[in-house]
Amino acid sequence: MALSSLYNDERYGDAMSLENVVQNGELLDCYGELLTPRQRECLDLYYNENLTLAEIAEYFHISRQAVHQLEMRAIAALKEYYCI
């Protein structure tokens, strides 16, 4: 499977596009200090350490769904900080 097809998987919509992954990583670099420590660590593990949601869930001892929700809330906060 090509990398571009992985990031353009229809199940994830634009959330997994390569451009969004890069943008979210840049937002984390710029505004990460404004997040809670847990949100920042979750995004760092995902975007900088390339851990999967399942691996992050195991690390935090929470469900994969909880990691996904944590990530989505943190990304929404970063985007809000960016627009302010």
N, C-alpha and C. Protein backbone atom coordinates (compact mmCIF):
# COMPACT_ATOMS: atom_id res chain seq x y z
N MET A 1 0.86 -1.18 0.00
CA MET A 1 0.00 0.00 0.00
C MET A 1 0.90 1.24 0.00
N ALA A 2 0.60 2.16 -0.87
CA ALA A 2 1.38 3.40 -0.96
C ALA A 2 1.07 4.29 0.23
N LEU A 3 2.08 5.06 0.63
CA LEU A 3 1.91 5.99 1.75
C LEU A 3 0.78 6.97 1.49
N SER A 4 0.68 7.47 0.27
CA SER A 4 -0.38 8.44 -0.04
C SER A 4 -1.75 7.82 0.10
N SER A 5 -1.90 6.55 -0.25
CA SER A 5 -3.22 5.92 -0.11
C SER A 5 -3.55 5.69 1.36
N LEU A 6 -2.54 5.47 2.19
CA LEU A 6 -2.78 5.32 3.62
C LEU A 6 -3.32 6.61 4.21
N TYR A 7 -2.73 7.73 3.83
CA TYR A 7 -3.15 9.01 4.38
C TYR A 7 -4.42 9.54 3.72
N ASN A 8 -4.82 8.98 2.60
CA ASN A 8 -6.04 9.43 1.94
C ASN A 8 -7.15 8.39 2.04
N ASP A 9 -7.08 7.53 3.02
CA ASP A 9 -8.08 6.50 3.27
C ASP A 9 -9.44 7.16 3.51
N GLU A 10 -10.45 6.75 2.78
CA GLU A 10 -11.78 7.36 2.88
C GLU A 10 -12.39 7.23 4.27
N ARG A 11 -11.99 6.22 5.04
CA ARG A 11 -12.54 6.05 6.39
C ARG A 11 -12.20 7.22 7.28
N TYR A 12 -11.09 7.87 7.01
CA TYR A 12 -10.62 8.95 7.87
C TYR A 12 -10.85 10.33 7.26
N GLY A 13 -11.29 10.39 6.03
CA GLY A 13 -11.52 11.68 5.38
C GLY A 13 -10.24 12.48 5.33
N ASP A 14 -10.38 13.78 5.44
CA ASP A 14 -9.22 14.67 5.37
C ASP A 14 -8.36 14.63 6.62
N ALA A 15 -8.88 14.05 7.70
CA ALA A 15 -8.13 14.04 8.96
C ALA A 15 -6.79 13.35 8.81
N MET A 16 -6.69 12.37 7.92
CA MET A 16 -5.45 11.63 7.76
C MET A 16 -4.68 12.03 6.52
N SER A 17 -5.07 13.12 5.84
CA SER A 17 -4.31 13.54 4.67
C SER A 17 -2.90 13.94 5.12
N LEU A 18 -1.96 13.74 4.26
CA LEU A 18 -0.58 14.07 4.59
C LEU A 18 -0.45 15.54 4.96
N GLU A 19 -1.18 16.41 4.27
CA GLU A 19 -1.13 17.83 4.58
C GLU A 19 -1.62 18.11 5.99
N ASN A 20 -2.71 17.44 6.41
CA ASN A 20 -3.23 17.65 7.76
C ASN A 20 -2.28 17.09 8.82
N VAL A 21 -1.66 15.98 8.54
CA VAL A 21 -0.70 15.41 9.49
C VAL A 21 0.45 16.38 9.69
N VAL A 22 0.96 16.95 8.61
CA VAL A 22 2.05 17.93 8.70
C VAL A 22 1.57 19.18 9.43
N GLN A 23 0.38 19.67 9.06
CA GLN A 23 -0.17 20.88 9.70
C GLN A 23 -0.35 20.67 11.20
N ASN A 24 -0.90 19.52 11.58
CA ASN A 24 -1.12 19.25 13.00
C ASN A 24 0.20 19.17 13.76
N GLY A 25 1.20 18.58 13.14
CA GLY A 25 2.52 18.53 13.76
C GLY A 25 3.11 19.91 13.95
N GLU A 26 2.91 20.79 12.97
CA GLU A 26 3.41 22.16 13.09
C GLU A 26 2.65 22.93 14.16
N LEU A 27 1.33 22.72 14.24
CA LEU A 27 0.54 23.37 15.29
C LEU A 27 1.01 22.91 16.67
N LEU A 28 1.32 21.63 16.79
CA LEU A 28 1.83 21.11 18.06
C LEU A 28 3.15 21.78 18.42
N ASP A 29 4.02 21.94 17.45
CA ASP A 29 5.31 22.60 17.71
C ASP A 29 5.11 24.04 18.18
N CYS A 30 4.16 24.74 17.58
CA CYS A 30 3.96 26.17 17.88
C CYS A 30 3.14 26.41 19.15
N TYR A 31 2.09 25.61 19.34
CA TYR A 31 1.13 25.89 20.41
C TYR A 31 1.02 24.77 21.44
N GLY A 32 1.87 23.79 21.37
CA GLY A 32 1.80 22.63 22.26
C GLY A 32 1.84 22.98 23.73
N GLU A 33 2.55 24.02 24.08
CA GLU A 33 2.67 24.40 25.49
C GLU A 33 1.34 24.89 26.07
N LEU A 34 0.39 25.21 25.22
CA LEU A 34 -0.93 25.66 25.68
C LEU A 34 -1.86 24.50 26.00
N LEU A 35 -1.48 23.30 25.61
CA LEU A 35 -2.29 22.11 25.89
C LEU A 35 -2.02 21.60 27.30
N THR A 36 -2.90 20.72 27.76
CA THR A 36 -2.63 20.04 29.02
C THR A 36 -1.44 19.11 28.81
N PRO A 37 -0.74 18.76 29.88
CA PRO A 37 0.40 17.84 29.72
C PRO A 37 0.00 16.52 29.05
N ARG A 38 -1.17 15.99 29.39
CA ARG A 38 -1.61 14.73 28.81
C ARG A 38 -1.92 14.88 27.32
N GLN A 39 -2.57 15.96 26.93
CA GLN A 39 -2.85 16.21 25.52
C GLN A 39 -1.55 16.36 24.74
N ARG A 40 -0.63 17.14 25.29
CA ARG A 40 0.66 17.37 24.63
C ARG A 40 1.42 16.06 24.46
N GLU A 41 1.44 15.24 25.50
CA GLU A 41 2.16 13.98 25.42
C GLU A 41 1.51 13.04 24.41
N CYS A 42 0.19 13.01 24.38
CA CYS A 42 -0.53 12.17 23.42
C CYS A 42 -0.17 12.57 21.99
N LEU A 43 -0.24 13.85 21.69
CA LEU A 43 0.08 14.31 20.34
C LEU A 43 1.55 14.11 20.01
N ASP A 44 2.42 14.30 20.99
CA ASP A 44 3.84 14.07 20.76
C ASP A 44 4.10 12.61 20.41
N LEU A 45 3.46 11.72 21.13
CA LEU A 45 3.63 10.29 20.84
C LEU A 45 3.10 9.95 19.46
N TYR A 46 2.01 10.57 19.07
CA TYR A 46 1.38 10.26 17.78
C TYR A 46 2.14 10.90 16.61
N TYR A 47 2.41 12.20 16.70
CA TYR A 47 2.99 12.91 15.55
C TYR A 47 4.52 12.87 15.51
N ASN A 48 5.17 12.84 16.66
CA ASN A 48 6.64 12.87 16.65
C ASN A 48 7.27 11.50 16.85
N GLU A 49 6.64 10.66 17.65
CA GLU A 49 7.18 9.32 17.91
C GLU A 49 6.56 8.25 17.03
N ASN A 50 5.53 8.62 16.27
CA ASN A 50 4.86 7.72 15.32
C ASN A 50 4.25 6.48 15.96
N LEU A 51 3.76 6.62 17.19
CA LEU A 51 3.06 5.51 17.83
C LEU A 51 1.63 5.45 17.29
N THR A 52 1.06 4.27 17.27
CA THR A 52 -0.32 4.10 16.85
C THR A 52 -1.24 4.44 18.02
N LEU A 53 -2.53 4.61 17.71
CA LEU A 53 -3.49 4.87 18.78
C LEU A 53 -3.51 3.72 19.78
N ALA A 54 -3.38 2.50 19.30
CA ALA A 54 -3.37 1.34 20.19
C ALA A 54 -2.15 1.37 21.11
N GLU A 55 -1.00 1.75 20.59
CA GLU A 55 0.21 1.82 21.42
C GLU A 55 0.10 2.94 22.46
N ILE A 56 -0.49 4.06 22.06
CA ILE A 56 -0.67 5.16 23.00
C ILE A 56 -1.68 4.76 24.07
N ALA A 57 -2.73 4.04 23.68
CA ALA A 57 -3.73 3.56 24.64
C ALA A 57 -3.09 2.66 25.68
N GLU A 58 -2.21 1.78 25.23
CA GLU A 58 -1.51 0.89 26.15
C GLU A 58 -0.61 1.70 27.10
N TYR A 59 0.05 2.71 26.57
CA TYR A 59 0.94 3.56 27.36
C TYR A 59 0.16 4.29 28.46
N PHE A 60 -1.01 4.85 28.11
CA PHE A 60 -1.82 5.60 29.07
C PHE A 60 -2.77 4.71 29.88
N HIS A 61 -2.87 3.44 29.52
CA HIS A 61 -3.80 2.51 30.18
C HIS A 61 -5.25 2.96 30.01
N ILE A 62 -5.58 3.37 28.78
CA ILE A 62 -6.94 3.75 28.44
C ILE A 62 -7.31 3.08 27.12
N SER A 63 -8.54 3.21 26.71
CA SER A 63 -8.98 2.57 25.47
C SER A 63 -8.46 3.34 24.25
N ARG A 64 -8.44 2.67 23.12
CA ARG A 64 -8.04 3.29 21.87
C ARG A 64 -8.99 4.43 21.54
N GLN A 65 -10.29 4.22 21.80
CA GLN A 65 -11.29 5.27 21.55
C GLN A 65 -11.01 6.51 22.41
N ALA A 66 -10.62 6.30 23.65
CA ALA A 66 -10.30 7.42 24.53
C ALA A 66 -9.10 8.20 24.00
N VAL A 67 -8.13 7.50 23.45
CA VAL A 67 -6.96 8.17 22.85
C VAL A 67 -7.41 8.99 21.66
N HIS A 68 -8.27 8.41 20.82
CA HIS A 68 -8.77 9.12 19.65
C HIS A 68 -9.50 10.40 20.07
N GLN A 69 -10.34 10.30 21.09
CA GLN A 69 -11.06 11.48 21.58
C GLN A 69 -10.10 12.52 22.15
N LEU A 70 -9.11 12.06 22.89
CA LEU A 70 -8.10 12.96 23.45
C LEU A 70 -7.36 13.69 22.33
N GLU A 71 -7.00 12.95 21.29
CA GLU A 71 -6.30 13.54 20.16
C GLU A 71 -7.18 14.56 19.44
N MET A 72 -8.43 14.21 19.20
CA MET A 72 -9.34 15.11 18.49
C MET A 72 -9.58 16.41 19.28
N ARG A 73 -9.74 16.29 20.58
CA ARG A 73 -9.93 17.48 21.42
C ARG A 73 -8.67 18.35 21.41
N ALA A 74 -7.52 17.71 21.47
CA ALA A 74 -6.27 18.46 21.49
C ALA A 74 -6.05 19.18 20.15
N ILE A 75 -6.34 18.50 19.04
CA ILE A 75 -6.19 19.13 17.73
C ILE A 75 -7.16 20.29 17.59
N ALA A 76 -8.41 20.12 18.08
CA ALA A 76 -9.39 21.21 18.04
C ALA A 76 -8.89 22.40 18.85
N ALA A 77 -8.29 22.15 20.00
CA ALA A 77 -7.74 23.23 20.82
C ALA A 77 -6.60 23.94 20.10
N LEU A 78 -5.72 23.17 19.46
CA LEU A 78 -4.61 23.78 18.72
C LEU A 78 -5.12 24.66 17.60
N LYS A 79 -6.12 24.18 16.90
CA LYS A 79 -6.68 24.97 15.79
C LYS A 79 -7.37 26.22 16.31
N GLU A 80 -7.97 26.12 17.48
CA GLU A 80 -8.60 27.30 18.08
C GLU A 80 -7.53 28.31 18.49
N TYR A 81 -6.44 27.84 19.09
CA TYR A 81 -5.35 28.74 19.45
C TYR A 81 -4.77 29.43 18.21
N TYR A 82 -4.68 28.70 17.12
CA TYR A 82 -4.14 29.23 15.88
C TYR A 82 -5.02 30.35 15.34
N CYS A 83 -6.31 30.23 15.48
CA CYS A 83 -7.24 31.22 14.94
C CYS A 83 -7.39 32.45 15.83
N ILE A 84 -6.93 32.38 17.05
CA ILE A 84 -7.09 33.52 17.97
C ILE A 84 -6.10 34.60 17.63
